């Protein structure tokens, strides 16, 4: 009953000269981005500290911090070059063999940039000198140094926590990584985290430089002057570069709004062109009212239901409709459908509409099927469904009045040919509105899921979980 296994006739069937779909690589459906290493996160702060010490003697503190940032960037480039030379072993060491899921929903809450700096200034200004100091110079030195240290800490600590709290791309489950890449514009995630980390390093360099100067002030008035200059300089430097913090706040809000994908739950994915009846079949297969999953990059909701087999929960979902075109031309919602097949433990149910009403020709539907079959049938359970059978004469139904004379003899011949081909490969005729074939489809899906349970539930042996680095 399955058109799967070693690439049966469904992958290479030919009807009226249909275009043969290129076999391709399933991973091309969603681009895979290897994280850029983030070597700067673990790098010692020698360059920044050196810049900070020089801040009191050469130029402004901000200039020293900018110079430190430039040295850090040079070091990062060197580290990237060394990492590339390290070869495959170094990459494998960074990539986990298993993935913790749900990380994107647990990213830190990022405070507005304005709130961070105002809170830091307020808290630092309340710091008092160490008790027992009588000498005015020593007392003011101590007060200034402690306040500047507090200001530096209160500015840098939250930024450091944000950088550590957001996961690196290579540590995400492949499906969550695909969601992130579809949701955010190219490179925005890594670039924003990098800018936040550079801001932290710059503030740390300025703060330490002014703290050192304040601790060596020649008199109380000089200590006060250095402190006031430092507060002004650090606030100005932070405000001039803090847009990345607000950008990170928006990224966090967006990621937390993403639907929680049940990455370890066996999933029945209904796939096909737009308007072929996938959503109706979700209702037929689901044991309850399907939920609607909303994604930031589309206004179209994705229906998702569930059912139980031997007390084991399974998910059934429709997927965004696919058009017949190259992957490079696909929009984000189409790429989400392919990411579902690529990275989740799915049983693929390809839905074909032969009524002529869905807006995609039968020829194009069969081309889409051939393409997906070549990618996934060898590593996924695969079933075929012919939907809306009550409106398909070739399946014993009656032609819809809406199409009337538009449905030609050639269309009828084409439908008969497809019905014959798909039926020989185990396809079922289903009509959700007329309650035709629903129970039989449930029974067949149950058989397939039980048969392939070990494959679907063991992510270590499931090919789709290989990140492909």
Foldseek 3Di string as FASTA:
>chain_A
DFCFAPRHPLLPDDDPRFDRADLDALCVLFDFDDFLPCPLLVDDLVLLQVLLQCCVPDDHLLVSLVVSLVVSVVVSVVVSVVQVVVPDVSVVVPADLDADAPLLLVQDQFDALVVQLVVLLVVLVPDAFDPPDDALLQRLLRSLLSSLVSSLCSNQVVLSCNLVRRDTLSRHFLLLSRLLPLQDDPPLVVVLNVLSNSLNSSSNSNSVSLSVCSNVAPGNVRNVVSSVVSSVVSVVSCVVRVVSSVVSNVSSVQSSLADRDPQQAEEAEEAFAAPLCQVLLQVLQAPDAWDWGDHNNDPHTKTKGWDDDPNGIHIYTYAYGDWQDDSVPDHSSSSSSSSCQLRGLYAYEYEAELLPPRPHDNSRRSNVSSNVSSHHSNQHGYAYEYEQLLQQVLSVHNNDPVCPPVCDPVSNVSVVVVCVVRVVNPYYYYYSVVGPCSVVVNVVVSVSCVVCVVQSNDLSNRVSRPSPD
